[in-house]
């Protein structure tokens, strides 16, 4: 048919799996998924009628919980591990943002220094001037 686009696969955050499919994909029993939801380990989406819908990320999380419990870690330990993983991810994201901001600030300062001095690149040590030919540079260290 003209004008119709082909179907695209759902994204990792699209709530498309019913509980039976999510249970099968994660290797868990549907009742276990309900229990994990009651415990607050997972929060599936809901349909208008109240049916649970799981995302691909939810299924991956369920697999991780299953692996941790199979390794002998209790539910409270799993909860703590998941909390720490979320914190680490948030910190990594914030660190990346700050690194990008720092790089942009450094570049802006470099550009401003070039514009102020003309075409000569700025010295890496702003307090030290480039020596004239035949001159020496003396570096002073303050006493402790």
C-alpha atoms as a PDB file:
ATOM      1  CA  UNK A   1       0.000   0.000   0.000  1.00  0.00           C
ATOM      2  CA  UNK A   2       1.268   3.422  -0.866  1.00  0.00           C
ATOM      3  CA  UNK A   3       2.014   5.806   1.982  1.00  0.00           C
ATOM      4  CA  UNK A   4       2.361   3.162   4.699  1.00  0.00           C
ATOM      5  CA  UNK A   5       5.633   2.889   6.513  1.00  0.00           C
ATOM      6  CA  UNK A   6       6.958  -0.507   7.604  1.00  0.00           C
ATOM      7  CA  UNK A   7       6.549  -1.319  11.271  1.00  0.00           C
ATOM      8  CA  UNK A   8       9.539  -0.456  13.407  1.00  0.00           C
ATOM      9  CA  UNK A   9      10.554  -2.672  16.314  1.00  0.00           C
ATOM     10  CA  UNK A  10       9.564  -1.308  19.710  1.00  0.00           C
ATOM     11  CA  UNK A  11      12.167   0.677  21.621  1.00  0.00           C
ATOM     12  CA  UNK A  12      13.655  -0.527  24.911  1.00  0.00           C
ATOM     13  CA  UNK A  13      11.227   1.678  26.852  1.00  0.00           C
ATOM     14  CA  UNK A  14       8.067   0.645  24.995  1.00  0.00           C
ATOM     15  CA  UNK A  15       5.751  -1.262  27.324  1.00  0.00           C
ATOM     16  CA  UNK A  16       4.672  -4.063  24.998  1.00  0.00           C
ATOM     17  CA  UNK A  17       5.055  -7.383  26.830  1.00  0.00           C
ATOM     18  CA  UNK A  18       2.182  -8.888  28.794  1.00  0.00           C
ATOM     19  CA  UNK A  19       3.110 -10.621  32.043  1.00  0.00           C
ATOM     20  CA  UNK A  20       3.195 -14.131  30.560  1.00  0.00           C
ATOM     21  CA  UNK A  21       5.634 -13.091  27.826  1.00  0.00           C
ATOM     22  CA  UNK A  22       7.799 -11.081  30.243  1.00  0.00           C
ATOM     23  CA  UNK A  23       7.890 -14.092  32.579  1.00  0.00           C
ATOM     24  CA  UNK A  24       8.895 -16.396  29.736  1.00  0.00           C
ATOM     25  CA  UNK A  25      11.581 -13.987  28.466  1.00  0.00           C
ATOM     26  CA  UNK A  26      13.028 -13.522  31.955  1.00  0.00           C
ATOM     27  CA  UNK A  27      12.781 -17.181  32.952  1.00  0.00           C
ATOM     28  CA  UNK A  28      10.641 -16.383  35.975  1.00  0.00           C
ATOM     29  CA  UNK A  29       7.133 -17.375  37.014  1.00  0.00           C
ATOM     30  CA  UNK A  30       4.429 -14.699  36.521  1.00  0.00           C
ATOM     31  CA  UNK A  31       3.710 -14.787  40.259  1.00  0.00           C
ATOM     32  CA  UNK A  32       7.365 -13.899  40.893  1.00  0.00           C
ATOM     33  CA  UNK A  33       6.961 -10.843  38.675  1.00  0.00           C
ATOM     34  CA  UNK A  34       3.909  -9.800  40.706  1.00  0.00           C
ATOM     35  CA  UNK A  35       5.880 -10.309  43.931  1.00  0.00           C
ATOM     36  CA  UNK A  36       8.793  -8.205  42.657  1.00  0.00           C
ATOM     37  CA  UNK A  37       6.310  -5.504  41.710  1.00  0.00           C
ATOM     38  CA  UNK A  38       4.777  -5.529  45.215  1.00  0.00           C
ATOM     39  CA  UNK A  39       8.303  -5.254  46.664  1.00  0.00           C
ATOM     40  CA  UNK A  40       9.034  -2.255  44.454  1.00  0.00           C
ATOM     41  CA  UNK A  41      11.847  -3.928  42.504  1.00  0.00           C
ATOM     42  CA  UNK A  42      10.061  -3.392  39.201  1.00  0.00           C
ATOM     43  CA  UNK A  43       7.292  -1.098  38.036  1.00  0.00           C
ATOM     44  CA  UNK A  44       5.607  -2.246  34.835  1.00  0.00           C
ATOM     45  CA  UNK A  45       3.380   0.046  32.822  1.00  0.00           C
ATOM     46  CA  UNK A  46      -0.373  -0.388  32.968  1.00  0.00           C
ATOM     47  CA  UNK A  47      -3.050  -0.496  30.311  1.00  0.00           C
ATOM     48  CA  UNK A  48      -6.317   1.381  30.646  1.00  0.00           C
ATOM     49  CA  UNK A  49      -7.858  -1.803  32.027  1.00  0.00           C
ATOM     50  CA  UNK A  50      -5.074  -2.288  34.571  1.00  0.00           C
ATOM     51  CA  UNK A  51      -3.117  -5.013  32.782  1.00  0.00           C
ATOM     52  CA  UNK A  52       0.646  -5.025  33.250  1.00  0.00           C
ATOM     53  CA  UNK A  53       2.890  -4.189  30.308  1.00  0.00           C
ATOM     54  CA  UNK A  54       6.647  -4.733  30.538  1.00  0.00           C
ATOM     55  CA  UNK A  55       9.399  -3.080  28.525  1.00  0.00           C
ATOM     56  CA  UNK A  56      12.569  -4.676  27.220  1.00  0.00           C
ATOM     57  CA  UNK A  57      14.436  -2.851  30.015  1.00  0.00           C
ATOM     58  CA  UNK A  58      12.025  -4.398  32.536  1.00  0.00           C
ATOM     59  CA  UNK A  59      12.792  -7.873  31.175  1.00  0.00           C
ATOM     60  CA  UNK A  60      16.556  -7.182  31.398  1.00  0.00           C
ATOM     61  CA  UNK A  61      16.091  -6.000  34.987  1.00  0.00           C
ATOM     62  CA  UNK A  62      14.136  -9.151  35.819  1.00  0.00           C
ATOM     63  CA  UNK A  63      16.962 -11.251  34.372  1.00  0.00           C
ATOM     64  CA  UNK A  64      19.476  -9.346  36.505  1.00  0.00           C
ATOM     65  CA  UNK A  65      17.362  -9.885  39.635  1.00  0.00           C
ATOM     66  CA  UNK A  66      17.099 -13.570  38.766  1.00  0.00           C
ATOM     67  CA  UNK A  67      20.877 -13.865  38.316  1.00  0.00           C
ATOM     68  CA  UNK A  68      21.551 -12.119  41.630  1.00  0.00           C
ATOM     69  CA  UNK A  69      19.101 -14.262  43.592  1.00  0.00           C
ATOM     70  CA  UNK A  70      20.461 -17.402  41.911  1.00  0.00           C
ATOM     71  CA  UNK A  71      23.923 -16.360  43.143  1.00  0.00           C
ATOM     72  CA  UNK A  72      22.571 -16.441  46.703  1.00  0.00           C
ATOM     73  CA  UNK A  73      21.921 -12.738  47.241  1.00  0.00           C
ATOM     74  CA  UNK A  74      18.807 -11.976  49.267  1.00  0.00           C
ATOM     75  CA  UNK A  75      16.090  -9.617  48.054  1.00  0.00           C
ATOM     76  CA  UNK A  76      17.287  -6.752  50.277  1.00  0.00           C
ATOM     77  CA  UNK A  77      20.793  -7.240  48.894  1.00  0.00           C
ATOM     78  CA  UNK A  78      19.374  -7.182  45.374  1.00  0.00           C
ATOM     79  CA  UNK A  79      17.482  -3.991  46.198  1.00  0.00           C
ATOM     80  CA  UNK A  80      20.705  -2.387  47.480  1.00  0.00           C
ATOM     81  CA  UNK A  81      22.708  -3.507  44.433  1.00  0.00           C
ATOM     82  CA  UNK A  82      20.074  -2.115  42.054  1.00  0.00           C
ATOM     83  CA  UNK A  83      19.976   1.165  43.980  1.00  0.00           C
ATOM     84  CA  UNK A  84      23.765   1.471  43.799  1.00  0.00           C
ATOM     85  CA  UNK A  85      23.748   0.659  40.072  1.00  0.00           C
ATOM     86  CA  UNK A  86      21.178   3.411  39.485  1.00  0.00           C
ATOM     87  CA  UNK A  87      23.292   5.862  41.495  1.00  0.00           C
ATOM     88  CA  UNK A  88      26.416   4.928  39.558  1.00  0.00           C
ATOM     89  CA  UNK A  89      24.610   5.424  36.244  1.00  0.00           C
ATOM     90  CA  UNK A  90      23.360   8.839  37.386  1.00  0.00           C
ATOM     91  CA  UNK A  91      26.841   9.844  38.541  1.00  0.00           C
ATOM     92  CA  UNK A  92      28.430   8.687  35.290  1.00  0.00           C
ATOM     93  CA  UNK A  93      25.882  10.707  33.321  1.00  0.00           C
ATOM     94  CA  UNK A  94      26.470  13.787  35.501  1.00  0.00           C
ATOM     95  CA  UNK A  95      30.238  13.363  35.185  1.00  0.00           C
ATOM     96  CA  UNK A  96      29.925  13.211  31.392  1.00  0.00           C
ATOM     97  CA  UNK A  97      27.839  16.394  31.443  1.00  0.00           C
ATOM     98  CA  UNK A  98      30.392  18.167  33.629  1.00  0.00           C
ATOM     99  CA  UNK A  99      33.281  16.982  31.434  1.00  0.00           C
ATOM    100  CA  UNK A 100      31.534  18.357  28.348  1.00  0.00           C
ATOM    101  CA  UNK A 101      30.829  21.644  30.135  1.00  0.00           C
ATOM    102  CA  UNK A 102      34.457  21.888  31.259  1.00  0.00           C
ATOM    103  CA  UNK A 103      35.729  21.221  27.741  1.00  0.00           C
ATOM    104  CA  UNK A 104      33.384  23.880  26.337  1.00  0.00           C
ATOM    105  CA  UNK A 105      34.511  26.372  28.991  1.00  0.00           C
ATOM    106  CA  UNK A 106      38.175  25.676  28.274  1.00  0.00           C
ATOM    107  CA  UNK A 107      37.590  26.135  24.567  1.00  0.00           C
ATOM    108  CA  UNK A 108      35.729  29.400  25.155  1.00  0.00           C
ATOM    109  CA  UNK A 109      38.580  30.666  27.344  1.00  0.00           C
ATOM    110  CA  UNK A 110      41.119  29.616  24.726  1.00  0.00           C
ATOM    111  CA  UNK A 111      39.191  31.417  22.013  1.00  0.00           C
ATOM    112  CA  UNK A 112      38.862  34.523  24.193  1.00  0.00           C
ATOM    113  CA  UNK A 113      42.599  34.517  24.910  1.00  0.00           C
ATOM    114  CA  UNK A 114      43.415  34.153  21.222  1.00  0.00           C
ATOM    115  CA  UNK A 115      41.063  37.006  20.353  1.00  0.00           C
ATOM    116  CA  UNK A 116      42.591  39.212  23.067  1.00  0.00           C
ATOM    117  CA  UNK A 117      46.193  38.501  22.045  1.00  0.00           C
ATOM    118  CA  UNK A 118      45.738  38.291  18.323  1.00  0.00           C
ATOM    119  CA  UNK A 119      46.660  35.094  16.504  1.00  0.00           C
ATOM    120  CA  UNK A 120      49.136  33.762  19.071  1.00  0.00           C
ATOM    121  CA  UNK A 121      47.912  30.756  21.074  1.00  0.00           C
ATOM    122  CA  UNK A 122      47.669  31.304  24.822  1.00  0.00           C
ATOM    123  CA  UNK A 123      50.387  30.093  27.154  1.00  0.00           C
ATOM    124  CA  UNK A 124      49.459  26.995  29.172  1.00  0.00           C
ATOM    125  CA  UNK A 125      50.537  28.880  32.276  1.00  0.00           C
ATOM    126  CA  UNK A 126      48.683  32.193  32.107  1.00  0.00           C
ATOM    127  CA  UNK A 127      50.833  33.787  34.823  1.00  0.00           C
ATOM    128  CA  UNK A 128      54.059  33.172  32.846  1.00  0.00           C
ATOM    129  CA  UNK A 129      54.767  35.315  29.801  1.00  0.00           C
ATOM    130  CA  UNK A 130      56.597  33.982  26.796  1.00  0.00           C
ATOM    131  CA  UNK A 131      60.264  35.006  27.158  1.00  0.00           C
ATOM    132  CA  UNK A 132      61.801  37.243  24.569  1.00  0.00           C
ATOM    133  CA  UNK A 133      64.703  35.697  22.615  1.00  0.00           C
ATOM    134  CA  UNK A 134      67.797  35.697  24.785  1.00  0.00           C
ATOM    135  CA  UNK A 135      65.846  36.011  28.054  1.00  0.00           C
ATOM    136  CA  UNK A 136      65.472  33.427  30.794  1.00  0.00           C
ATOM    137  CA  UNK A 137      62.462  32.415  32.795  1.00  0.00           C
ATOM    138  CA  UNK A 138      62.767  32.213  36.555  1.00  0.00           C
ATOM    139  CA  UNK A 139      60.185  30.231  38.488  1.00  0.00           C
ATOM    140  CA  UNK A 140      59.782  31.237  42.129  1.00  0.00           C
ATOM    141  CA  UNK A 141      58.415  28.877  44.725  1.00  0.00           C
ATOM    142  CA  UNK A 142      56.891  30.372  47.832  1.00  0.00           C
ATOM    143  CA  UNK A 143      58.204  29.120  51.164  1.00  0.00           C
ATOM    144  CA  UNK A 144      56.018  26.876  53.208  1.00  0.00           C
END
